Structures are given as C-alpha cells and as structure tokens.
Amino acid sequence: MARNGKAINVKIATTKVVKALESALAKLDKAFASQEANEAKHDKAVKAWNKEVAKLAMGAINKAEDLSAHTRYNGEIQVSFSLPKGSIEI
C-alpha cells in the first residue's frame, strides 16, 4: 500500500490476528451449521409476506391502473397492475 510514494507499515501482534481469524471462523461455522434452518425460516416469512401483500392488493384492485394479463409459454397466466400511491400501506 502506498501513499504519495511512501509505504505505510502497520504493526499488529500475531496473537491478535490469530484470535480475530479464529472468532471469524467460528462465526462462519455457526452460520453454516444453522443455514438450512435460517433459510426455511426466511422462506416461510417471505411466503407469509407475499400472501399479506396479495390480500391487500386484491382488496384495492378496483383502484388498479395499467391492468394487463399475459399467457406465458407454459400456459401460466400472469396478471399485473399498478395501484396509485397511498391506496394500500404495506
């Protein structure tokens, strides 16, 4: 690392570096061990949020602007619409 042509030296005790690396590795191991549970919890929360938003949007669909429906290549129907600002609060 150079600053205006001069090198910067930083002296840190090796024990501090090793301790910091070990604690970071422990955090990563803990996160990796609980990853599946955290992903399941996140997926469940996302599904609940999507249902809540859909319920709010369907209640205000009579205020919809730019309503469009499309049939996708696999036969799935996609409906999209825009709601004016303030018509629902998430």
PDB file of N, CA and C in Angstrom:
ATOM      1  N   MET A   1       0.848  -1.164   0.000  1.00  0.00           N
ATOM      2  CA  MET A   1       0.000   0.000   0.000  1.00  0.00           C
ATOM      3  C   MET A   1       0.896   1.230   0.000  1.00  0.00           C
ATOM      4  N   ALA A   2       0.633   2.163  -0.863  1.00  0.00           N
ATOM      5  CA  ALA A   2       1.483   3.346  -0.941  1.00  0.00           C
ATOM      6  C   ALA A   2       0.631   4.603  -0.825  1.00  0.00           C
ATOM      7  N   ARG A   3       1.214   5.593  -0.226  1.00  0.00           N
ATOM      8  CA  ARG A   3       0.529   6.867  -0.071  1.00  0.00           C
ATOM      9  C   ARG A   3       1.541   7.952  -0.420  1.00  0.00           C
ATOM     10  N   ASN A   4       1.304   8.622  -1.514  1.00  0.00           N
ATOM     11  CA  ASN A   4       2.230   9.649  -2.003  1.00  0.00           C
ATOM     12  C   ASN A   4       3.649   9.101  -2.125  1.00  0.00           C
ATOM     13  N   GLY A   5       3.762   7.881  -2.576  1.00  0.00           N
ATOM     14  CA  GLY A   5       5.069   7.285  -2.768  1.00  0.00           C
ATOM     15  C   GLY A   5       5.694   6.719  -1.517  1.00  0.00           C
ATOM     16  N   LYS A   6       5.004   6.790  -0.383  1.00  0.00           N
ATOM     17  CA  LYS A   6       5.560   6.276   0.871  1.00  0.00           C
ATOM     18  C   LYS A   6       4.755   5.058   1.318  1.00  0.00           C
ATOM     19  N   ALA A   7       5.436   4.065   1.775  1.00  0.00           N
ATOM     20  CA  ALA A   7       4.771   2.858   2.263  1.00  0.00           C
ATOM     21  C   ALA A   7       4.268   3.096   3.681  1.00  0.00           C
ATOM     22  N   ILE A   8       3.170   2.432   4.022  1.00  0.00           N
ATOM     23  CA  ILE A   8       2.611   2.516   5.368  1.00  0.00           C
ATOM     24  C   ILE A   8       2.795   1.159   6.025  1.00  0.00           C
ATOM     25  N   ASN A   9       3.402   1.135   7.169  1.00  0.00           N
ATOM     26  CA  ASN A   9       3.594  -0.102   7.922  1.00  0.00           C
ATOM     27  C   ASN A   9       2.665  -0.103   9.123  1.00  0.00           C
ATOM     28  N   VAL A  10       1.981  -1.210   9.320  1.00  0.00           N
ATOM     29  CA  VAL A  10       1.095  -1.367  10.467  1.00  0.00           C
ATOM     30  C   VAL A  10       1.576  -2.580  11.238  1.00  0.00           C
ATOM     31  N   LYS A  11       1.831  -2.379  12.512  1.00  0.00           N
ATOM     32  CA  LYS A  11       2.311  -3.480  13.340  1.00  0.00           C
ATOM     33  C   LYS A  11       1.183  -3.937  14.254  1.00  0.00           C
ATOM     34  N   ILE A  12       0.780  -5.184  14.058  1.00  0.00           N
ATOM     35  CA  ILE A  12      -0.267  -5.798  14.873  1.00  0.00           C
ATOM     36  C   ILE A  12       0.302  -7.098  15.408  1.00  0.00           C
ATOM     37  N   ALA A  13       0.026  -7.341  16.674  1.00  0.00           N
ATOM     38  CA  ALA A  13       0.520  -8.574  17.287  1.00  0.00           C
ATOM     39  C   ALA A  13      -0.098  -9.779  16.593  1.00  0.00           C
ATOM     40  N   THR A  14       0.700 -10.794  16.346  1.00  0.00           N
ATOM     41  CA  THR A  14       0.241 -12.005  15.667  1.00  0.00           C
ATOM     42  C   THR A  14      -0.881 -12.672  16.438  1.00  0.00           C
ATOM     43  N   THR A  15      -0.819 -12.625  17.758  1.00  0.00           N
ATOM     44  CA  THR A  15      -1.864 -13.261  18.568  1.00  0.00           C
ATOM     45  C   THR A  15      -3.212 -12.596  18.342  1.00  0.00           C
ATOM     46  N   LYS A  16      -3.222 -11.276  18.163  1.00  0.00           N
ATOM     47  CA  LYS A  16      -4.482 -10.569  17.899  1.00  0.00           C
ATOM     48  C   LYS A  16      -5.052 -10.973  16.543  1.00  0.00           C
ATOM     49  N   VAL A  17      -4.194 -11.105  15.558  1.00  0.00           N
ATOM     50  CA  VAL A  17      -4.639 -11.501  14.219  1.00  0.00           C
ATOM     51  C   VAL A  17      -5.202 -12.913  14.251  1.00  0.00           C
ATOM     52  N   VAL A  18      -4.506 -13.821  14.918  1.00  0.00           N
ATOM     53  CA  VAL A  18      -4.955 -15.210  15.014  1.00  0.00           C
ATOM     54  C   VAL A  18      -6.282 -15.281  15.759  1.00  0.00           C
ATOM     55  N   LYS A  19      -6.403 -14.542  16.846  1.00  0.00           N
ATOM     56  CA  LYS A  19      -7.643 -14.549  17.634  1.00  0.00           C
ATOM     57  C   LYS A  19      -8.810 -14.008  16.804  1.00  0.00           C
ATOM     58  N   ALA A  20      -8.583 -12.934  16.056  1.00  0.00           N
ATOM     59  CA  ALA A  20      -9.631 -12.371  15.208  1.00  0.00           C
ATOM     60  C   ALA A  20     -10.039 -13.356  14.114  1.00  0.00           C
ATOM     61  N   LEU A  21      -9.068 -14.029  13.507  1.00  0.00           N
ATOM     62  CA  LEU A  21      -9.377 -15.018  12.474  1.00  0.00           C
ATOM     63  C   LEU A  21     -10.143 -16.203  13.044  1.00  0.00           C
ATOM     64  N   GLU A  22      -9.759 -16.655  14.232  1.00  0.00           N
ATOM     65  CA  GLU A  22     -10.463 -17.774  14.862  1.00  0.00           C
ATOM     66  C   GLU A  22     -11.899 -17.404  15.195  1.00  0.00           C
ATOM     67  N   SER A  23     -12.128 -16.192  15.698  1.00  0.00           N
ATOM     68  CA  SER A  23     -13.501 -15.787  16.021  1.00  0.00           C
ATOM     69  C   SER A  23     -14.335 -15.637  14.750  1.00  0.00           C
ATOM     70  N   ALA A  24     -13.738 -15.124  13.677  1.00  0.00           N
ATOM     71  CA  ALA A  24     -14.455 -15.008  12.408  1.00  0.00           C
ATOM     72  C   ALA A  24     -14.794 -16.387  11.853  1.00  0.00           C
ATOM     73  N   LEU A  25     -13.873 -17.326  11.973  1.00  0.00           N
ATOM     74  CA  LEU A  25     -14.118 -18.690  11.513  1.00  0.00           C
ATOM     75  C   LEU A  25     -15.216 -19.353  12.337  1.00  0.00           C
ATOM     76  N   ALA A  26     -15.240 -19.102  13.635  1.00  0.00           N
ATOM     77  CA  ALA A  26     -16.286 -19.664  14.492  1.00  0.00           C
ATOM     78  C   ALA A  26     -17.659 -19.123  14.092  1.00  0.00           C
ATOM     79  N   LYS A  27     -17.729 -17.829  13.771  1.00  0.00           N
ATOM     80  CA  LYS A  27     -18.995 -17.240  13.321  1.00  0.00           C
ATOM     81  C   LYS A  27     -19.459 -17.891  12.020  1.00  0.00           C
ATOM     82  N   LEU A  28     -18.526 -18.081  11.089  1.00  0.00           N
ATOM     83  CA  LEU A  28     -18.873 -18.710   9.814  1.00  0.00           C
ATOM     84  C   LEU A  28     -19.342 -20.150  10.005  1.00  0.00           C
ATOM     85  N   ASP A  29     -18.662 -20.897  10.879  1.00  0.00           N
ATOM     86  CA  ASP A  29     -19.067 -22.276  11.155  1.00  0.00           C
ATOM     87  C   ASP A  29     -20.462 -22.327  11.754  1.00  0.00           C
ATOM     88  N   LYS A  30     -20.750 -21.416  12.673  1.00  0.00           N
ATOM     89  CA  LYS A  30     -22.070 -21.372  13.314  1.00  0.00           C
ATOM     90  C   LYS A  30     -23.148 -21.025  12.289  1.00  0.00           C
ATOM     91  N   ALA A  31     -22.867 -20.047  11.430  1.00  0.00           N
ATOM     92  CA  ALA A  31     -23.823 -19.661  10.398  1.00  0.00           C
ATOM     93  C   ALA A  31     -24.044 -20.799   9.402  1.00  0.00           C
ATOM     94  N   PHE A  32     -22.976 -21.503   9.048  1.00  0.00           N
ATOM     95  CA  PHE A  32     -23.090 -22.617   8.112  1.00  0.00           C
ATOM     96  C   PHE A  32     -23.909 -23.753   8.711  1.00  0.00           C
ATOM     97  N   ALA A  33     -23.730 -24.008  10.008  1.00  0.00           N
ATOM     98  CA  ALA A  33     -24.458 -25.093  10.668  1.00  0.00           C
ATOM     99  C   ALA A  33     -25.957 -24.805  10.738  1.00  0.00           C
ATOM    100  N   SER A  34     -26.319 -23.543  10.884  1.00  0.00           N
ATOM    101  CA  SER A  34     -27.740 -23.202  11.020  1.00  0.00           C
ATOM    102  C   SER A  34     -28.324 -22.633   9.729  1.00  0.00           C
ATOM    103  N   GLN A  35     -27.634 -22.796   8.622  1.00  0.00           N
ATOM    104  CA  GLN A  35     -28.075 -22.211   7.358  1.00  0.00           C
ATOM    105  C   GLN A  35     -29.415 -22.772   6.889  1.00  0.00           C
ATOM    106  N   GLU A  36     -29.599 -24.076   6.951  1.00  0.00           N
ATOM    107  CA  GLU A  36     -30.849 -24.676   6.475  1.00  0.00           C
ATOM    108  C   GLU A  36     -32.037 -24.183   7.286  1.00  0.00           C
ATOM    109  N   ALA A  37     -31.875 -24.116   8.603  1.00  0.00           N
ATOM    110  CA  ALA A  37     -32.963 -23.631   9.455  1.00  0.00           C
ATOM    111  C   ALA A  37     -33.260 -22.166   9.160  1.00  0.00           C
ATOM    112  N   ASN A  38     -32.212 -21.373   8.974  1.00  0.00           N
ATOM    113  CA  ASN A  38     -32.409 -19.954   8.669  1.00  0.00           C
ATOM    114  C   ASN A  38     -33.076 -19.761   7.313  1.00  0.00           C
ATOM    115  N   GLU A  39     -32.697 -20.569   6.321  1.00  0.00           N
ATOM    116  CA  GLU A  39     -33.323 -20.476   5.001  1.00  0.00           C
ATOM    117  C   GLU A  39     -34.792 -20.871   5.066  1.00  0.00           C
ATOM    118  N   ALA A  40     -35.109 -21.911   5.826  1.00  0.00           N
ATOM    119  CA  ALA A  40     -36.501 -22.336   5.968  1.00  0.00           C
ATOM    120  C   ALA A  40     -37.324 -21.246   6.646  1.00  0.00           C
ATOM    121  N   LYS A  41     -36.755 -20.641   7.677  1.00  0.00           N
ATOM    122  CA  LYS A  41     -37.446 -19.562   8.385  1.00  0.00           C
ATOM    123  C   LYS A  41     -37.669 -18.373   7.448  1.00  0.00           C
ATOM    124  N   HIS A  42     -36.660 -18.053   6.648  1.00  0.00           N
ATOM    125  CA  HIS A  42     -36.766 -16.938   5.700  1.00  0.00           C
ATOM    126  C   HIS A  42     -37.819 -17.231   4.631  1.00  0.00           C
ATOM    127  N   ASP A  43     -37.809 -18.440   4.078  1.00  0.00           N
ATOM    128  CA  ASP A  43     -38.794 -18.811   3.061  1.00  0.00           C
ATOM    129  C   ASP A  43     -40.213 -18.720   3.608  1.00  0.00           C
ATOM    130  N   LYS A  44     -40.398 -19.165   4.840  1.00  0.00           N
ATOM    131  CA  LYS A  44     -41.716 -19.099   5.473  1.00  0.00           C
ATOM    132  C   LYS A  44     -42.154 -17.649   5.645  1.00  0.00           C
ATOM    133  N   ALA A  45     -41.246 -16.779   6.061  1.00  0.00           N
ATOM    134  CA  ALA A  45     -41.564 -15.361   6.244  1.00  0.00           C
ATOM    135  C   ALA A  45     -41.889 -14.694   4.910  1.00  0.00           C
ATOM    136  N   VAL A  46     -41.154 -15.054   3.849  1.00  0.00           N
ATOM    137  CA  VAL A  46     -41.407 -14.478   2.527  1.00  0.00           C
ATOM    138  C   VAL A  46     -42.779 -14.906   2.017  1.00  0.00           C
ATOM    139  N   LYS A  47     -43.138 -16.172   2.196  1.00  0.00           N
ATOM    140  CA  LYS A  47     -44.453 -16.649   1.757  1.00  0.00           C
ATOM    141  C   LYS A  47     -45.568 -15.932   2.503  1.00  0.00           C
ATOM    142  N   ALA A  48     -45.411 -15.750   3.808  1.00  0.00           N
ATOM    143  CA  ALA A  48     -46.419 -15.044   4.599  1.00  0.00           C
ATOM    144  C   ALA A  48     -46.541 -13.594   4.134  1.00  0.00           C
ATOM    145  N   TRP A  49     -45.404 -12.950   3.859  1.00  0.00           N
ATOM    146  CA  TRP A  49     -45.428 -11.564   3.396  1.00  0.00           C
ATOM    147  C   TRP A  49     -46.106 -11.463   2.033  1.00  0.00           C
ATOM    148  N   ASN A  50     -45.807 -12.397   1.128  1.00  0.00           N
ATOM    149  CA  ASN A  50     -46.436 -12.398  -0.196  1.00  0.00           C
ATOM    150  C   ASN A  50     -47.948 -12.551  -0.090  1.00  0.00           C
ATOM    151  N   LYS A  51     -48.405 -13.430   0.801  1.00  0.00           N
ATOM    152  CA  LYS A  51     -49.848 -13.613   0.986  1.00  0.00           C
ATOM    153  C   LYS A  51     -50.488 -12.343   1.526  1.00  0.00           C
ATOM    154  N   GLU A  52     -49.815 -11.690   2.461  1.00  0.00           N
ATOM    155  CA  GLU A  52     -50.349 -10.456   3.039  1.00  0.00           C
ATOM    156  C   GLU A  52     -50.449  -9.354   1.986  1.00  0.00           C
ATOM    157  N   VAL A  53     -49.412  -9.212   1.170  1.00  0.00           N
ATOM    158  CA  VAL A  53     -49.420  -8.194   0.118  1.00  0.00           C
ATOM    159  C   VAL A  53     -50.499  -8.509  -0.913  1.00  0.00           C
ATOM    160  N   ALA A  54     -50.637  -9.773  -1.283  1.00  0.00           N
ATOM    161  CA  ALA A  54     -51.669 -10.158  -2.253  1.00  0.00           C
ATOM    162  C   ALA A  54     -53.057  -9.848  -1.713  1.00  0.00           C
ATOM    163  N   LYS A  55     -53.281 -10.117  -0.430  1.00  0.00           N
ATOM    164  CA  LYS A  55     -54.582  -9.826   0.178  1.00  0.00           C
ATOM    165  C   LYS A  55     -54.861  -8.320   0.153  1.00  0.00           C
ATOM    166  N   LEU A  56     -53.853  -7.513   0.481  1.00  0.00           N
ATOM    167  CA  LEU A  56     -54.024  -6.060   0.453  1.00  0.00           C
ATOM    168  C   LEU A  56     -54.272  -5.562  -0.967  1.00  0.00           C
ATOM    169  N   ALA A  57     -53.526  -6.083  -1.930  1.00  0.00           N
ATOM    170  CA  ALA A  57     -53.664  -5.645  -3.317  1.00  0.00           C
ATOM    171  C   ALA A  57     -55.012  -6.054  -3.893  1.00  0.00           C
ATOM    172  N   MET A  58     -55.463  -7.254  -3.596  1.00  0.00           N
ATOM    173  CA  MET A  58     -56.751  -7.712  -4.130  1.00  0.00           C
ATOM    174  C   MET A  58     -57.901  -6.902  -3.540  1.00  0.00           C
ATOM    175  N   GLY A  59     -57.738  -6.423  -2.324  1.00  0.00           N
ATOM    176  CA  GLY A  59     -58.766  -5.571  -1.730  1.00  0.00           C
ATOM    177  C   GLY A  59     -58.851  -4.213  -2.398  1.00  0.00           C
ATOM    178  N   ALA A  60     -57.789  -3.779  -3.038  1.00  0.00           N
ATOM    179  CA  ALA A  60     -57.755  -2.470  -3.686  1.00  0.00           C
ATOM    180  C   ALA A  60     -57.696  -2.582  -5.203  1.00  0.00           C
ATOM    181  N   ILE A  61     -58.042  -3.733  -5.762  1.00  0.00           N
ATOM    182  CA  ILE A  61     -57.915  -3.928  -7.214  1.00  0.00           C
ATOM    183  C   ILE A  61     -58.876  -3.040  -8.003  1.00  0.00           C
ATOM    184  N   ASN A  62     -59.963  -2.593  -7.370  1.00  0.00           N
ATOM    185  CA  ASN A  62     -60.888  -1.712  -8.085  1.00  0.00           C
ATOM    186  C   ASN A  62     -60.262  -0.339  -8.353  1.00  0.00           C
ATOM    187  N   LYS A  63     -59.148  -0.013  -7.711  1.00  0.00           N
ATOM    188  CA  LYS A  63     -58.435   1.242  -7.950  1.00  0.00           C
ATOM    189  C   LYS A  63     -57.268   1.041  -8.927  1.00  0.00           C
ATOM    190  N   ALA A  64     -57.162  -0.141  -9.511  1.00  0.00           N
ATOM    191  CA  ALA A  64     -55.999  -0.505 -10.325  1.00  0.00           C
ATOM    192  C   ALA A  64     -55.882   0.340 -11.585  1.00  0.00           C
ATOM    193  N   GLU A  65     -54.640   0.639 -11.920  1.00  0.00           N
ATOM    194  CA  GLU A  65     -54.300   1.306 -13.173  1.00  0.00           C
ATOM    195  C   GLU A  65     -53.367   0.366 -13.928  1.00  0.00           C
ATOM    196  N   ASP A  66     -53.339   0.453 -15.224  1.00  0.00           N
ATOM    197  CA  ASP A  66     -52.456  -0.370 -16.060  1.00  0.00           C
ATOM    198  C   ASP A  66     -52.636  -1.861 -15.797  1.00  0.00           C
ATOM    199  N   LEU A  67     -53.848  -2.325 -15.870  1.00  0.00           N
ATOM    200  CA  LEU A  67     -54.138  -3.741 -15.672  1.00  0.00           C
ATOM    201  C   LEU A  67     -53.806  -4.495 -16.957  1.00  0.00           C
ATOM    202  N   SER A  68     -53.022  -5.565 -16.847  1.00  0.00           N
ATOM    203  CA  SER A  68     -52.685  -6.358 -18.026  1.00  0.00           C
ATOM    204  C   SER A  68     -52.609  -7.830 -17.650  1.00  0.00           C
ATOM    205  N   ALA A  69     -52.929  -8.682 -18.623  1.00  0.00           N
ATOM    206  CA  ALA A  69     -52.853 -10.124 -18.421  1.00  0.00           C
ATOM    207  C   ALA A  69     -52.109 -10.729 -19.606  1.00  0.00           C
ATOM    208  N   HIS A  70     -51.220 -11.655 -19.311  1.00  0.00           N
ATOM    209  CA  HIS A  70     -50.421 -12.304 -20.345  1.00  0.00           C
ATOM    210  C   HIS A  70     -50.421 -13.808 -20.106  1.00  0.00           C
ATOM    211  N   THR A  71     -50.469 -14.563 -21.202  1.00  0.00           N
ATOM    212  CA  THR A  71     -50.336 -16.007 -21.116  1.00  0.00           C
ATOM    213  C   THR A  71     -48.900 -16.356 -21.467  1.00  0.00           C
ATOM    214  N   ARG A  72     -48.249 -17.039 -20.563  1.00  0.00           N
ATOM    215  CA  ARG A  72     -46.847 -17.393 -20.769  1.00  0.00           C
ATOM    216  C   ARG A  72     -46.748 -18.643 -21.640  1.00  0.00           C
ATOM    217  N   TYR A  73     -45.544 -18.966 -22.065  1.00  0.00           N
ATOM    218  CA  TYR A  73     -45.315 -20.089 -22.976  1.00  0.00           C
ATOM    219  C   TYR A  73     -45.767 -21.425 -22.395  1.00  0.00           C
ATOM    220  N   ASN A  74     -45.778 -21.558 -21.072  1.00  0.00           N
ATOM    221  CA  ASN A  74     -46.166 -22.823 -20.449  1.00  0.00           C
ATOM    222  C   ASN A  74     -47.636 -22.844 -20.040  1.00  0.00           C
ATOM    223  N   GLY A  75     -48.408 -21.849 -20.477  1.00  0.00           N
ATOM    224  CA  GLY A  75     -49.828 -21.801 -20.184  1.00  0.00           C
ATOM    225  C   GLY A  75     -50.166 -21.037 -18.914  1.00  0.00           C
ATOM    226  N   GLU A  76     -49.175 -20.631 -18.175  1.00  0.00           N
ATOM    227  CA  GLU A  76     -49.390 -19.875 -16.943  1.00  0.00           C
ATOM    228  C   GLU A  76     -49.885 -18.474 -17.294  1.00  0.00           C
ATOM    229  N   ILE A  77     -50.860 -17.987 -16.565  1.00  0.00           N
ATOM    230  CA  ILE A  77     -51.396 -16.652 -16.804  1.00  0.00           C
ATOM    231  C   ILE A  77     -50.802 -15.700 -15.781  1.00  0.00           C
ATOM    232  N   GLN A  78     -50.257 -14.600 -16.281  1.00  0.00           N
ATOM    233  CA  GLN A  78     -49.643 -13.602 -15.418  1.00  0.00           C
ATOM    234  C   GLN A  78     -50.472 -12.329 -15.499  1.00  0.00           C
ATOM    235  N   VAL A  79     -50.950 -11.861 -14.358  1.00  0.00           N
ATOM    236  CA  VAL A  79     -51.729 -10.632 -14.283  1.00  0.00           C
ATOM    237  C   VAL A  79     -50.920  -9.613 -13.505  1.00  0.00           C
ATOM    238  N   SER A  80     -50.817  -8.421 -14.045  1.00  0.00           N
ATOM    239  CA  SER A  80     -50.100  -7.366 -13.328  1.00  0.00           C
ATOM    240  C   SER A  80     -50.913  -6.082 -13.394  1.00  0.00           C
ATOM    241  N   PHE A  81     -50.773  -5.275 -12.356  1.00  0.00           N
ATOM    242  CA  PHE A  81     -51.465  -3.998 -12.308  1.00  0.00           C
ATOM    243  C   PHE A  81     -50.716  -3.063 -11.378  1.00  0.00           C
ATOM    244  N   SER A  82     -50.999  -1.793 -11.523  1.00  0.00           N
ATOM    245  CA  SER A  82     -50.387  -0.777 -10.675  1.00  0.00           C
ATOM    246  C   SER A  82     -51.471  -0.135  -9.834  1.00  0.00           C
ATOM    247  N   LEU A  83     -51.127   0.156  -8.595  1.00  0.00           N
ATOM    248  CA  LEU A  83     -52.043   0.855  -7.704  1.00  0.00           C
ATOM    249  C   LEU A  83     -51.506   2.253  -7.452  1.00  0.00           C
ATOM    250  N   PRO A  84     -52.394   3.238  -7.389  1.00  0.00           N
ATOM    251  CA  PRO A  84     -51.918   4.588  -7.117  1.00  0.00           C
ATOM    252  C   PRO A  84     -51.293   4.683  -5.725  1.00  0.00           C
ATOM    253  N   LYS A  85     -50.396   5.615  -5.585  1.00  0.00           N
ATOM    254  CA  LYS A  85     -49.702   5.815  -4.318  1.00  0.00           C
ATOM    255  C   LYS A  85     -50.712   6.074  -3.203  1.00  0.00           C
ATOM    256  N   GLY A  86     -50.527   5.378  -2.102  1.00  0.00           N
ATOM    257  CA  GLY A  86     -51.384   5.570  -0.942  1.00  0.00           C
ATOM    258  C   GLY A  86     -52.641   4.720  -0.928  1.00  0.00           C
ATOM    259  N   SER A  87     -52.884   3.917  -1.977  1.00  0.00           N
ATOM    260  CA  SER A  87     -54.100   3.103  -1.989  1.00  0.00           C
ATOM    261  C   SER A  87     -54.005   1.935  -1.014  1.00  0.00           C
ATOM    262  N   ILE A  88     -52.797   1.447  -0.754  1.00  0.00           N
ATOM    263  CA  ILE A  88     -52.579   0.452   0.299  1.00  0.00           C
ATOM    264  C   ILE A  88     -51.307   0.823   1.046  1.00  0.00           C
ATOM    265  N   GLU A  89     -51.197   0.348   2.254  1.00  0.00           N
ATOM    266  CA  GLU A  89     -49.986   0.583   3.027  1.00  0.00           C
ATOM    267  C   GLU A  89     -49.424  -0.759   3.451  1.00  0.00           C
ATOM    268  N   ILE A  90     -48.191  -0.988   3.057  1.00  0.00           N
ATOM    269  CA  ILE A  90     -47.545  -2.267   3.354  1.00  0.00           C
ATOM    270  C   ILE A  90     -46.762  -2.144   4.636  1.00  0.00           C
TER     271      ILE A  90
END
